[in-house]
Amino acid sequence: MPAAPAAAPPHRRPRLRIAAALAASAAVLAACGGSGEGTGQVVPDAQLTVAMAFAPGAGYAIDTDDAFVLSQLGVTETLVASGADGQARPALATAWEQQPDPRTWRFELRPGVTFQNGEPLTGEAVANALDRLAGVEAPPRAIKSIGLDAAADGATAVRVTTTAPDPVLPLRLSSANTGILAPSAYASTPPAVQGTGTGPMTLTRADGIQSATLQRNDTYWGERPQLAGVTANFVPDPAARALALSAGDADIAQELPDTATLEFTGDEYTNETVAAPRTASLQLNQSRAPFSDLRVRQAVTAAIDRTALGEQALAGSAVPAAELFGPAVTWGAQEPPPPADPARARQLLAEAGFGPENPLRVELGTYANRPELPTLATAVQEMLRAAGIEANIRVGDYDAREPDLLAGDYDMYLVSRSYLLDVPDAGATLQSDYSCAGSYNINRYCSPEFDALLAPLASETDPAARQEVFRQASAKLVTDAVGVPLVHTRANGVGHQVAGYTVDPLAKTLVVPGLAKTG
């Protein structure tokens, strides 16, 4: 995760050719099947079909989570690239440096890049794209509330200024939401993405939430893409994605049930599971009863056997979570969670006024795109019942429910969240998900003490110091019973007769120039 060196004095601040970021372990890739390439050769100029877990829900608007679909399909690119190791790497920008004014960074652009429609990548084009993004009514989580302002610095560079110094700004600009579109894209709302990205694949047809068709960008600045085209089918049901793969209707299927991945073995399959910085958590709405009462939140925590969830409900495919951050990162909790205590849960509920004659009844919501979530919901429901809590499960579309969640109109909601997704620095998730002003604070948690813990992250560049803040913040969330981290999950994917396919734990990449069919 991000690892930034201490800032040099303004009079001799060095050029940063890779961003400062916090040191953390890279995600470990575990191959469960064969190489996927078999003994066949790469098929030149092949077509490939992907069964994707998440569909665009906002017309491919770059300021929404649809940006991750565009990024995975190879349509858009950002100024900076980053992986699960939290290191910033060149992408559309080849170098960056913090200016004498610590609120400003200068990014040098890669020469010779054109958008898919032929428009040139210039400082003005980049500044236009970033300013448009920052000016939407609800800016993306990665840049929300930082006061981002961009201006061209000649034809080959852009200066980005924030309200206050931001030690991880380059990492923010690796967020999929900050993909750079051509100036002509902004003639419509949302911005048109067909032909206006810089990536290796051009979106040629978008059939709503059903499918998308792409063709090779023959003017791509990097390695020539091996695929001539890609069809992306959006298949929300995990079992249906597995069926599409086994029937030959998909060459790659994302996020399959763990039992289904066992079906795909042999050299013709690429079957991978990635240890990802992702936690499945039970969110508890603190803005209203019953979860405005700490005792009720503590009762829910005591009722849930997190070890059983990981080892039994999910058949050992997930790690039981003691805190928000787990063993995938160096600052995460390495010890197992405390054992469940239903008796303690019942006692806390009784203190809060609930019991056999006045049972606590709540709704437990979740979504099915990630196959482990409905399974977890069912197991949690039984554990809560044993402690005297009746939870009615509601499985639905996440995008449709998100406005209610953000408005505090829910009881309990089970989500799977990568804490390095928006920005590969844990400070971004702590701010957006748990601070009083957080833009994604579904728990509706607000603690001045917690916000004070996070305050040093606004300027701290020392990796060890930032990690210590992460540890203290995670412990504070446990003390205040802010939701219940259940398990640390993993990402998987299976490819059939493909080369160059890997599972990205940050869900940013999928269709890359080296991806190919084999036969």
Protein backbone atom coordinates (compact mmCIF):
# COMPACT_ATOMS: atom_id res chain seq x y z
CA MET A 1 0.00 0.00 0.00
CA PRO A 2 1.32 3.46 -0.44
CA ALA A 3 4.79 4.17 0.71
CA ALA A 4 5.98 7.70 0.58
CA PRO A 5 9.39 8.93 1.54
CA ALA A 6 9.59 11.92 3.81
CA ALA A 7 9.20 15.15 1.88
CA ALA A 8 12.43 16.98 1.08
CA PRO A 9 12.81 20.68 1.90
CA PRO A 10 11.23 22.89 -0.78
CA HIS A 11 14.57 24.16 -2.04
CA ARG A 12 15.79 20.68 -2.92
CA ARG A 13 12.69 18.54 -3.29
CA PRO A 14 13.61 15.64 -5.62
CA ARG A 15 11.69 14.52 -8.65
CA LEU A 16 9.37 11.65 -7.80
CA ARG A 17 9.30 9.23 -10.70
CA ILE A 18 7.19 6.89 -8.70
CA ALA A 19 4.79 8.12 -6.08
CA ALA A 20 5.21 7.95 -2.37
CA ALA A 21 3.14 5.13 -0.97
CA LEU A 22 2.84 3.04 2.16
CA ALA A 23 4.80 -0.20 2.17
CA ALA A 24 2.72 -3.33 2.35
CA SER A 25 2.84 -6.83 1.08
CA ALA A 26 1.77 -7.42 -2.47
CA ALA A 27 -1.21 -9.67 -2.97
CA VAL A 28 -0.18 -13.28 -3.27
CA LEU A 29 -1.31 -15.05 -6.40
CA ALA A 30 -2.19 -18.68 -5.88
CA ALA A 31 -2.72 -20.79 -8.95
CA CYS A 32 -5.29 -23.47 -8.31
CA GLY A 33 -5.42 -25.05 -11.75
CA GLY A 34 -3.29 -25.22 -14.83
CA SER A 35 -1.48 -22.54 -16.77
CA GLY A 36 -4.44 -21.94 -19.02
CA GLU A 37 -2.25 -21.95 -22.08
CA GLY A 38 -2.04 -25.69 -22.53
CA THR A 39 0.21 -26.76 -25.38
CA GLY A 40 -1.58 -24.54 -27.91
CA GLN A 41 -0.15 -21.49 -29.58
CA VAL A 42 -1.43 -17.95 -29.26
CA VAL A 43 -4.21 -17.35 -31.78
CA PRO A 44 -3.43 -14.08 -33.54
CA ASP A 45 -6.14 -11.44 -33.73
CA ALA A 46 -8.66 -13.57 -31.84
CA GLN A 47 -11.99 -12.59 -30.35
CA LEU A 48 -12.54 -13.22 -26.63
CA THR A 49 -15.68 -13.33 -24.47
CA VAL A 50 -15.75 -12.43 -20.77
CA ALA A 51 -18.50 -13.11 -18.21
CA MET A 52 -18.20 -10.14 -15.85
CA ALA A 53 -19.63 -9.93 -12.35
CA PHE A 54 -20.62 -6.27 -12.34
CA ALA A 55 -22.54 -4.36 -15.01
CA PRO A 56 -22.42 -0.62 -15.65
CA GLY A 57 -25.21 0.97 -13.68
CA ALA A 58 -24.89 4.62 -14.70
CA GLY A 59 -24.37 4.66 -18.46
CA TYR A 60 -20.59 4.29 -18.09
CA ALA A 61 -20.33 7.60 -16.22
CA ILE A 62 -16.66 7.99 -15.37
CA ASP A 63 -17.46 9.56 -11.96
CA THR A 64 -19.30 6.41 -10.81
CA ASP A 65 -18.24 2.83 -10.15
CA ASP A 66 -18.83 2.19 -13.87
CA ALA A 67 -15.28 3.52 -14.23
CA PHE A 68 -14.01 0.17 -12.94
CA VAL A 69 -15.83 -1.61 -15.79
CA LEU A 70 -14.21 0.73 -18.31
CA SER A 71 -10.80 0.24 -16.72
CA GLN A 72 -11.09 -3.56 -16.66
CA LEU A 73 -12.16 -3.60 -20.30
CA GLY A 74 -9.07 -1.63 -21.30
CA VAL A 75 -10.99 1.44 -22.47
CA THR A 76 -9.67 4.11 -20.13
CA GLU A 77 -6.36 4.87 -18.48
CA THR A 78 -5.24 7.15 -15.67
CA LEU A 79 -2.24 9.41 -15.20
CA VAL A 80 -0.77 6.99 -12.67
CA ALA A 81 -0.95 3.22 -12.39
CA SER A 82 -0.83 1.27 -9.13
CA GLY A 83 -1.22 -2.27 -7.91
CA ALA A 84 -1.89 -4.07 -4.67
CA ASP A 85 1.63 -3.19 -3.52
CA GLY A 86 0.54 0.45 -3.32
CA GLN A 87 3.39 1.71 -5.46
CA ALA A 88 2.61 4.38 -8.05
CA ARG A 89 3.90 3.72 -11.54
CA PRO A 90 3.93 5.64 -14.82
CA ALA A 91 0.87 5.42 -17.05
CA LEU A 92 -0.31 8.44 -19.05
CA ALA A 93 2.13 10.43 -16.92
CA THR A 94 5.75 9.38 -17.02
CA ALA A 95 6.99 11.44 -14.07
CA TRP A 96 5.67 13.68 -11.31
CA GLU A 97 7.05 15.94 -8.64
CA GLN A 98 5.71 18.02 -5.79
CA GLN A 99 6.25 21.71 -6.39
CA PRO A 100 7.69 24.25 -3.95
CA ASP A 101 4.06 24.95 -3.12
CA PRO A 102 3.30 21.65 -1.34
CA ARG A 103 -0.33 21.82 -2.49
CA THR A 104 0.71 21.43 -6.14
CA TRP A 105 2.07 18.50 -8.12
CA ARG A 106 3.35 18.62 -11.71
CA PHE A 107 2.77 15.62 -13.99
CA GLU A 108 4.71 15.13 -17.21
CA LEU A 109 2.62 13.47 -19.91
CA ARG A 110 3.65 10.55 -22.05
CA PRO A 111 4.56 11.86 -25.51
CA GLY A 112 2.78 10.72 -28.66
CA VAL A 113 -0.45 9.48 -27.01
CA THR A 114 -3.72 10.01 -28.85
CA PHE A 115 -7.27 9.28 -27.80
CA GLN A 116 -9.03 6.53 -29.71
CA ASN A 117 -10.78 9.14 -31.88
CA GLY A 118 -7.47 10.72 -32.88
CA GLU A 119 -7.49 13.73 -30.54
CA PRO A 120 -4.07 14.32 -28.94
CA LEU A 121 -3.35 13.88 -25.25
CA THR A 122 -2.30 17.35 -24.08
CA GLY A 123 -2.00 19.20 -20.82
CA GLU A 124 -5.18 21.06 -21.64
CA ALA A 125 -7.08 17.82 -22.35
CA VAL A 126 -5.96 16.29 -19.05
CA ALA A 127 -6.77 19.42 -17.07
CA ASN A 128 -10.21 19.55 -18.69
CA ALA A 129 -10.92 15.91 -17.78
CA LEU A 130 -9.83 16.29 -14.15
CA ASP A 131 -11.64 19.59 -13.64
CA ARG A 132 -14.84 18.13 -15.11
CA LEU A 133 -14.55 15.19 -12.72
CA ALA A 134 -13.95 17.41 -9.71
CA GLY A 135 -16.91 19.58 -10.67
CA VAL A 136 -19.64 16.92 -10.68
CA GLU A 137 -22.29 17.14 -7.99
CA ALA A 138 -20.89 14.11 -6.14
CA PRO A 139 -17.18 13.74 -6.95
CA PRO A 140 -15.72 10.22 -6.72
CA ARG A 141 -14.51 9.05 -3.32
CA ALA A 142 -10.85 9.19 -4.40
CA ILE A 143 -10.89 12.96 -4.88
CA LYS A 144 -13.89 14.08 -2.89
CA SER A 145 -13.29 17.00 -0.52
CA ILE A 146 -9.67 17.63 -1.54
CA GLY A 147 -10.45 20.70 -3.65
CA LEU A 148 -8.75 19.38 -6.77
CA ASP A 149 -7.97 21.93 -9.49
CA ALA A 150 -5.99 21.20 -12.65
CA ALA A 151 -4.32 23.48 -15.18
CA ALA A 152 -2.24 22.79 -18.27
CA ASP A 153 1.48 23.50 -17.97
CA GLY A 154 2.18 23.74 -21.67
CA ALA A 155 1.26 20.98 -24.09
CA THR A 156 3.09 18.19 -22.29
CA ALA A 157 2.36 18.65 -18.59
CA VAL A 158 -0.39 19.41 -16.11
CA ARG A 159 -0.35 20.93 -12.64
CA VAL A 160 -2.78 19.61 -10.05
CA THR A 161 -3.49 21.66 -6.93
CA THR A 162 -5.44 20.69 -3.83
CA THR A 163 -6.84 22.78 -0.99
CA ALA A 164 -4.27 21.36 1.44
CA PRO A 165 -1.04 19.43 0.85
CA ASP A 166 -1.86 15.84 -0.10
CA PRO A 167 0.96 13.31 0.39
CA VAL A 168 -0.80 10.64 -1.69
CA LEU A 169 -2.20 12.70 -4.57
CA PRO A 170 -0.43 10.61 -7.26
CA LEU A 171 -2.09 7.52 -5.81
CA ARG A 172 -5.46 9.27 -5.92
CA LEU A 173 -4.91 9.80 -9.62
CA SER A 174 -4.58 6.04 -10.10
CA SER A 175 -8.26 5.63 -9.22
CA ALA A 176 -10.30 4.26 -12.12
CA ASN A 177 -12.58 7.27 -11.73
CA THR A 178 -9.77 9.56 -12.84
CA GLY A 179 -9.52 7.96 -16.29
CA ILE A 180 -8.73 10.64 -18.85
CA LEU A 181 -11.28 11.12 -21.66
CA ALA A 182 -10.92 13.21 -24.82
CA PRO A 183 -12.28 16.78 -24.72
CA SER A 184 -15.08 15.83 -27.13
CA ALA A 185 -16.39 13.29 -24.61
CA TYR A 186 -17.80 16.10 -22.49
CA ALA A 187 -20.23 17.29 -25.12
CA SER A 188 -22.76 14.92 -23.55
CA THR A 189 -23.88 13.94 -20.05
CA PRO A 190 -22.59 11.55 -18.88
CA PRO A 191 -19.42 11.97 -20.94
CA ALA A 192 -19.36 9.74 -24.02
CA VAL A 193 -16.85 6.91 -23.61
CA GLN A 194 -17.06 5.34 -27.07
CA GLY A 195 -13.83 6.27 -28.84
CA THR A 196 -12.70 8.79 -26.22
CA GLY A 197 -10.37 6.74 -24.03
CA THR A 198 -6.67 6.05 -24.49
CA GLY A 199 -6.65 2.34 -23.62
CA PRO A 200 -5.82 -0.71 -25.75
CA MET A 201 -9.50 -1.46 -26.48
CA THR A 202 -12.15 0.82 -27.99
CA LEU A 203 -15.77 0.50 -26.90
CA THR A 204 -17.81 0.14 -30.09
CA ARG A 205 -21.20 -0.93 -28.76
CA ALA A 206 -22.85 -0.72 -25.35
CA ASP A 207 -26.02 -2.73 -24.76
CA GLY A 208 -26.97 -1.31 -21.38
CA ILE A 209 -26.46 -3.75 -18.54
CA GLN A 210 -26.40 -6.74 -20.89
CA SER A 211 -23.14 -6.55 -22.83
CA ALA A 212 -20.44 -4.45 -24.42
CA THR A 213 -18.42 -4.93 -27.58
CA LEU A 214 -14.86 -3.72 -28.03
CA GLN A 215 -12.25 -3.74 -30.75
CA ARG A 216 -8.50 -3.28 -30.73
CA ASN A 217 -7.16 0.25 -30.61
CA ASP A 218 -4.61 0.09 -33.39
CA THR A 219 -3.16 3.47 -32.40
CA TYR A 220 -2.47 2.41 -28.82
CA TRP A 221 0.72 3.95 -27.46
CA GLY A 222 1.92 0.79 -25.76
CA GLU A 223 2.34 -2.84 -26.73
CA ARG A 224 0.06 -3.82 -29.61
CA PRO A 225 -2.98 -5.66 -28.19
CA GLN A 226 -3.06 -9.32 -29.21
CA LEU A 227 -6.84 -9.54 -29.27
CA ALA A 228 -8.79 -8.12 -32.20
CA GLY A 229 -11.94 -7.76 -30.13
CA VAL A 230 -13.71 -8.53 -26.88
CA THR A 231 -17.32 -9.19 -25.96
CA ALA A 232 -18.17 -8.52 -22.33
CA ASN A 233 -21.36 -10.11 -21.04
CA PHE A 234 -22.57 -8.82 -17.69
CA VAL A 235 -23.78 -11.82 -15.70
CA PRO A 236 -24.71 -10.97 -12.10
CA ASP A 237 -25.42 -14.58 -11.07
CA PRO A 238 -22.17 -16.39 -10.10
CA ALA A 239 -23.59 -19.82 -11.03
CA ALA A 240 -24.55 -18.49 -14.45
CA ARG A 241 -21.01 -17.22 -14.98
CA ALA A 242 -19.64 -20.68 -14.18
CA LEU A 243 -22.16 -22.27 -16.53
CA ALA A 244 -21.17 -19.88 -19.34
CA LEU A 245 -17.54 -20.90 -18.91
CA SER A 246 -18.25 -24.64 -18.87
CA ALA A 247 -20.55 -24.33 -21.90
CA GLY A 248 -17.94 -22.48 -23.92
CA ASP A 249 -19.95 -19.25 -23.96
CA ALA A 250 -17.20 -17.43 -22.07
CA ASP A 251 -13.42 -17.60 -22.26
CA ILE A 252 -13.01 -15.91 -18.86
CA ALA A 253 -15.40 -15.85 -15.91
CA GLN A 254 -14.96 -13.59 -12.88
CA GLU A 255 -15.80 -14.24 -9.24
CA LEU A 256 -17.05 -17.81 -9.24
CA PRO A 257 -18.31 -19.78 -6.25
CA ASP A 258 -15.36 -21.61 -4.71
CA THR A 259 -17.02 -24.96 -5.31
CA ALA A 260 -17.37 -24.10 -8.99
CA THR A 261 -13.70 -23.25 -9.43
CA LEU A 262 -12.84 -26.85 -8.52
CA GLU A 263 -14.54 -27.98 -11.73
CA PHE A 264 -12.02 -26.20 -13.93
CA THR A 265 -8.74 -28.09 -13.79
CA GLY A 266 -6.18 -29.10 -16.34
CA ASP A 267 -3.70 -27.30 -18.52
CA GLU A 268 -6.36 -25.59 -20.61
CA TYR A 269 -7.58 -23.58 -17.60
CA THR A 270 -6.10 -20.60 -15.81
CA ASN A 271 -7.65 -20.91 -12.36
CA GLU A 272 -6.44 -18.30 -9.90
CA THR A 273 -7.32 -17.01 -6.48
CA VAL A 274 -5.81 -13.75 -5.23
CA ALA A 275 -5.30 -12.80 -1.61
CA ALA A 276 -6.90 -9.39 -1.78
CA PRO A 277 -7.17 -6.45 0.63
CA ARG A 278 -10.92 -6.99 0.84
CA THR A 279 -13.20 -7.43 3.84
CA ALA A 280 -16.80 -8.60 4.01
CA SER A 281 -18.39 -6.56 6.76
CA LEU A 282 -21.80 -6.28 8.36
CA GLN A 283 -22.68 -2.58 8.33
CA LEU A 284 -24.87 -1.37 11.21
CA ASN A 285 -26.83 1.87 10.81
CA GLN A 286 -25.84 3.98 13.83
CA SER A 287 -28.04 6.91 12.85
CA ARG A 288 -31.20 5.31 14.22
CA ALA A 289 -32.44 2.64 16.62
CA PRO A 290 -31.60 -0.06 17.37
CA PHE A 291 -27.96 0.31 16.31
CA SER A 292 -27.56 3.80 17.70
CA ASP A 293 -27.21 1.86 20.97
CA LEU A 294 -23.64 0.62 21.50
CA ARG A 295 -24.93 -2.34 23.50
CA VAL A 296 -26.94 -3.61 20.53
CA ARG A 297 -23.95 -3.30 18.21
CA GLN A 298 -21.81 -5.15 20.74
CA ALA A 299 -24.48 -7.84 21.01
CA VAL A 300 -24.38 -8.41 17.25
CA THR A 301 -20.59 -8.65 17.38
CA ALA A 302 -20.72 -11.18 20.23
CA ALA A 303 -23.37 -13.28 18.49
CA ILE A 304 -21.37 -13.90 15.30
CA ASP A 305 -18.86 -16.76 15.11
CA ARG A 306 -16.45 -15.33 12.54
CA THR A 307 -14.18 -18.34 12.64
CA ALA A 308 -17.10 -20.56 11.63
CA LEU A 309 -17.98 -18.16 8.82
CA GLY A 310 -14.55 -18.44 7.25
CA GLU A 311 -13.81 -22.09 7.93
CA GLN A 312 -17.27 -23.65 7.64
CA ALA A 313 -19.75 -21.40 5.83
CA LEU A 314 -17.15 -20.48 3.20
CA ALA A 315 -15.31 -23.81 3.40
CA GLY A 316 -11.98 -22.24 4.32
CA SER A 317 -11.96 -19.91 1.34
CA ALA A 318 -11.83 -16.78 3.52
CA VAL A 319 -9.89 -15.66 6.59
CA PRO A 320 -11.92 -14.86 9.75
CA ALA A 321 -11.67 -11.13 10.46
CA ALA A 322 -10.74 -9.69 13.84
CA GLU A 323 -10.55 -6.11 12.51
CA LEU A 324 -11.07 -4.14 9.30
CA PHE A 325 -7.52 -4.80 8.10
CA GLY A 326 -6.31 -8.38 7.89
CA PRO A 327 -3.20 -10.43 7.17
CA ALA A 328 -3.03 -9.34 3.50
CA VAL A 329 -1.36 -6.12 4.66
CA THR A 330 1.51 -5.59 7.07
CA TRP A 331 -0.48 -3.36 9.45
CA GLY A 332 -3.48 -5.71 9.57
CA ALA A 333 -4.53 -7.87 12.49
CA GLN A 334 -2.75 -11.22 12.37
CA GLU A 335 -4.58 -12.85 15.29
CA PRO A 336 -7.94 -14.65 14.97
CA PRO A 337 -11.15 -12.94 16.09
CA PRO A 338 -12.51 -13.56 19.58
CA PRO A 339 -14.91 -16.50 19.89
CA ALA A 340 -18.64 -15.93 19.67
CA ASP A 341 -20.49 -15.46 22.95
CA PRO A 342 -24.28 -15.81 22.46
CA ALA A 343 -24.90 -15.59 26.21
CA ARG A 344 -23.12 -12.25 26.35
CA ALA A 345 -25.11 -11.12 23.31
CA ARG A 346 -28.42 -11.96 25.02
CA GLN A 347 -27.31 -10.13 28.18
CA LEU A 348 -26.44 -6.98 26.19
CA LEU A 349 -29.75 -7.14 24.35
CA ALA A 350 -31.60 -7.44 27.66
CA GLU A 351 -29.79 -4.37 28.96
CA ALA A 352 -30.93 -2.54 25.82
CA GLY A 353 -34.56 -3.56 26.39
CA PHE A 354 -34.87 -6.58 24.11
CA GLY A 355 -35.80 -10.10 25.09
CA PRO A 356 -38.22 -13.00 24.46
CA GLU A 357 -41.26 -10.77 24.95
CA ASN A 358 -39.76 -7.90 22.94
CA PRO A 359 -37.52 -9.53 20.33
CA LEU A 360 -35.25 -7.45 18.14
CA ARG A 361 -36.33 -7.72 14.49
CA VAL A 362 -34.21 -6.18 11.74
CA GLU A 363 -33.65 -6.41 8.02
CA LEU A 364 -30.35 -7.83 6.77
CA GLY A 365 -29.63 -6.72 3.22
CA THR A 366 -26.95 -7.78 0.76
CA TYR A 367 -26.36 -8.46 -2.95
CA ALA A 368 -25.51 -11.54 -4.97
CA ASN A 369 -22.82 -10.32 -7.38
CA ARG A 370 -20.20 -11.59 -4.97
CA PRO A 371 -21.11 -15.24 -4.42
CA GLU A 372 -19.96 -15.39 -0.80
CA LEU A 373 -22.34 -12.69 0.43
CA PRO A 374 -25.69 -14.56 0.35
CA THR A 375 -23.96 -17.53 1.98
CA LEU A 376 -22.60 -15.30 4.72
CA ALA A 377 -25.99 -13.65 5.18
CA THR A 378 -27.69 -16.99 5.76
CA ALA A 379 -25.06 -18.10 8.28
CA VAL A 380 -25.18 -14.76 10.10
CA GLN A 381 -28.97 -14.96 10.24
CA GLU A 382 -28.77 -18.27 12.12
CA MET A 383 -26.13 -16.96 14.53
CA LEU A 384 -28.20 -13.88 15.31
CA ARG A 385 -31.31 -16.01 15.85
CA ALA A 386 -29.44 -18.05 18.44
CA ALA A 387 -28.78 -14.83 20.33
CA GLY A 388 -32.37 -13.60 20.10
CA ILE A 389 -32.21 -11.38 17.00
CA GLU A 390 -34.55 -12.08 14.09
CA ALA A 391 -33.00 -10.87 10.84
CA ASN A 392 -35.02 -10.94 7.62
CA ILE A 393 -32.69 -11.34 4.65
CA ARG A 394 -33.19 -9.14 1.61
CA VAL A 395 -30.98 -9.81 -1.43
CA GLY A 396 -31.20 -7.19 -4.15
CA ASP A 397 -29.33 -4.97 -6.57
CA TYR A 398 -26.61 -2.97 -4.85
CA ASP A 399 -26.73 0.04 -7.18
CA ALA A 400 -30.46 0.42 -6.59
CA ARG A 401 -29.98 0.24 -2.81
CA GLU A 402 -26.92 2.47 -2.45
CA PRO A 403 -28.83 5.79 -2.16
CA ASP A 404 -30.80 4.37 0.79
CA LEU A 405 -27.62 3.10 2.42
CA LEU A 406 -25.87 6.44 2.15
CA ALA A 407 -29.00 8.20 3.46
CA GLY A 408 -29.16 5.91 6.52
CA ASP A 409 -32.37 4.18 5.43
CA TYR A 410 -31.52 0.58 6.36
CA ASP A 411 -30.86 -1.65 9.38
CA MET A 412 -28.02 -4.05 8.58
CA TYR A 413 -26.24 -4.47 5.26
CA LEU A 414 -23.58 -6.98 4.29
CA VAL A 415 -20.97 -5.64 1.87
CA SER A 416 -17.65 -6.71 0.44
CA ARG A 417 -15.27 -3.75 0.28
CA SER A 418 -11.69 -3.48 -0.91
CA TYR A 419 -10.05 -1.04 1.45
CA LEU A 420 -7.50 -0.17 -1.24
CA LEU A 421 -9.99 0.10 -4.12
CA ASP A 422 -10.46 3.84 -4.57
CA VAL A 423 -6.92 4.76 -3.56
CA PRO A 424 -4.20 2.21 -2.74
CA ASP A 425 -3.67 3.85 0.64
CA ALA A 426 -5.73 2.76 3.64
CA GLY A 427 -6.09 6.36 4.78
CA ALA A 428 -8.49 7.01 1.90
CA THR A 429 -10.89 4.27 3.02
CA LEU A 430 -10.69 5.32 6.66
CA GLN A 431 -11.60 8.87 5.66
CA SER A 432 -14.37 8.04 3.20
CA ASP A 433 -15.97 5.17 5.16
CA TYR A 434 -15.59 6.18 8.80
CA SER A 435 -14.90 9.89 9.28
CA CYS A 436 -17.71 12.28 10.18
CA ALA A 437 -17.53 13.86 6.72
CA GLY A 438 -16.93 10.57 4.92
CA SER A 439 -18.61 10.28 1.54
CA TYR A 440 -19.17 6.52 1.91
CA ASN A 441 -19.92 6.33 5.63
CA ILE A 442 -22.67 3.69 5.44
CA ASN A 443 -22.37 2.93 9.16
CA ARG A 444 -23.23 6.59 9.82
CA TYR A 445 -20.44 6.66 12.37
CA CYS A 446 -19.17 10.00 13.64
CA SER A 447 -16.51 10.27 16.33
CA PRO A 448 -14.39 13.40 16.90
CA GLU A 449 -11.81 11.18 18.58
CA PHE A 450 -11.60 8.97 15.50
CA ASP A 451 -11.28 11.99 13.20
CA ALA A 452 -8.48 13.28 15.40
CA LEU A 453 -6.69 9.94 14.98
CA LEU A 454 -6.81 10.40 11.20
CA ALA A 455 -5.68 14.03 11.22
CA PRO A 456 -1.93 13.28 10.84
CA LEU A 457 -2.59 11.48 7.56
CA ALA A 458 -3.20 14.84 5.90
CA SER A 459 0.53 15.52 5.89
CA GLU A 460 2.35 12.41 7.10
CA THR A 461 4.61 10.78 4.49
CA ASP A 462 6.56 8.33 6.67
CA PRO A 463 5.34 4.78 5.94
CA ALA A 464 5.74 3.51 9.49
CA ALA A 465 3.90 6.50 10.94
CA ARG A 466 0.99 6.12 8.50
CA GLN A 467 0.74 2.41 9.27
CA GLU A 468 0.60 3.14 12.99
CA VAL A 469 -2.35 5.47 12.37
CA PHE A 470 -4.06 2.68 10.41
CA ARG A 471 -3.57 0.27 13.33
CA GLN A 472 -4.92 2.73 15.90
CA ALA A 473 -7.90 3.61 13.74
CA SER A 474 -8.78 -0.04 13.19
CA ALA A 475 -8.62 -0.69 16.95
CA LYS A 476 -10.88 2.30 17.60
CA LEU A 477 -13.49 0.92 15.20
CA VAL A 478 -13.48 -2.33 17.19
CA THR A 479 -13.87 -0.47 20.48
CA ASP A 480 -16.81 1.52 19.13
CA ALA A 481 -18.38 -1.55 17.49
CA VAL A 482 -18.57 0.15 14.10
CA GLY A 483 -20.03 -2.63 12.01
CA VAL A 484 -18.67 -6.16 12.22
CA PRO A 485 -15.75 -7.21 9.97
CA LEU A 486 -16.66 -10.82 9.19
CA VAL A 487 -14.05 -12.31 6.86
CA HIS A 488 -11.26 -11.22 4.58
CA THR A 489 -12.29 -12.55 1.19
CA ARG A 490 -10.36 -13.28 -1.96
CA ALA A 491 -10.90 -12.67 -5.65
CA ASN A 492 -10.89 -15.46 -8.22
CA GLY A 493 -11.28 -15.94 -11.92
CA VAL A 494 -11.01 -18.75 -14.42
CA GLY A 495 -9.90 -18.56 -18.02
CA HIS A 496 -10.18 -21.27 -20.67
CA GLN A 497 -7.39 -21.46 -23.23
CA VAL A 498 -6.12 -17.96 -22.60
CA ALA A 499 -2.67 -16.50 -22.09
CA GLY A 500 -1.69 -13.39 -20.18
CA TYR A 501 -4.67 -13.54 -17.81
CA THR A 502 -4.31 -12.74 -14.12
CA VAL A 503 -6.78 -11.71 -11.45
CA ASP A 504 -6.29 -8.13 -10.27
CA PRO A 505 -7.03 -7.82 -6.52
CA LEU A 506 -7.88 -4.13 -7.03
CA ALA A 507 -10.34 -4.85 -9.87
CA LYS A 508 -8.74 -2.33 -12.23
CA THR A 509 -7.31 -4.51 -14.98
CA LEU A 510 -8.54 -7.43 -17.04
CA VAL A 511 -8.19 -6.82 -20.79
CA VAL A 512 -4.53 -5.91 -21.17
CA PRO A 513 -2.42 -5.86 -24.36
CA GLY A 514 -0.84 -9.24 -23.53
CA LEU A 515 -4.16 -11.06 -23.07
CA ALA A 516 -4.69 -13.62 -25.83
CA LYS A 517 -6.56 -16.75 -26.85
CA THR A 518 -4.68 -19.99 -27.31
CA GLY A 519 -5.61 -22.98 -29.37
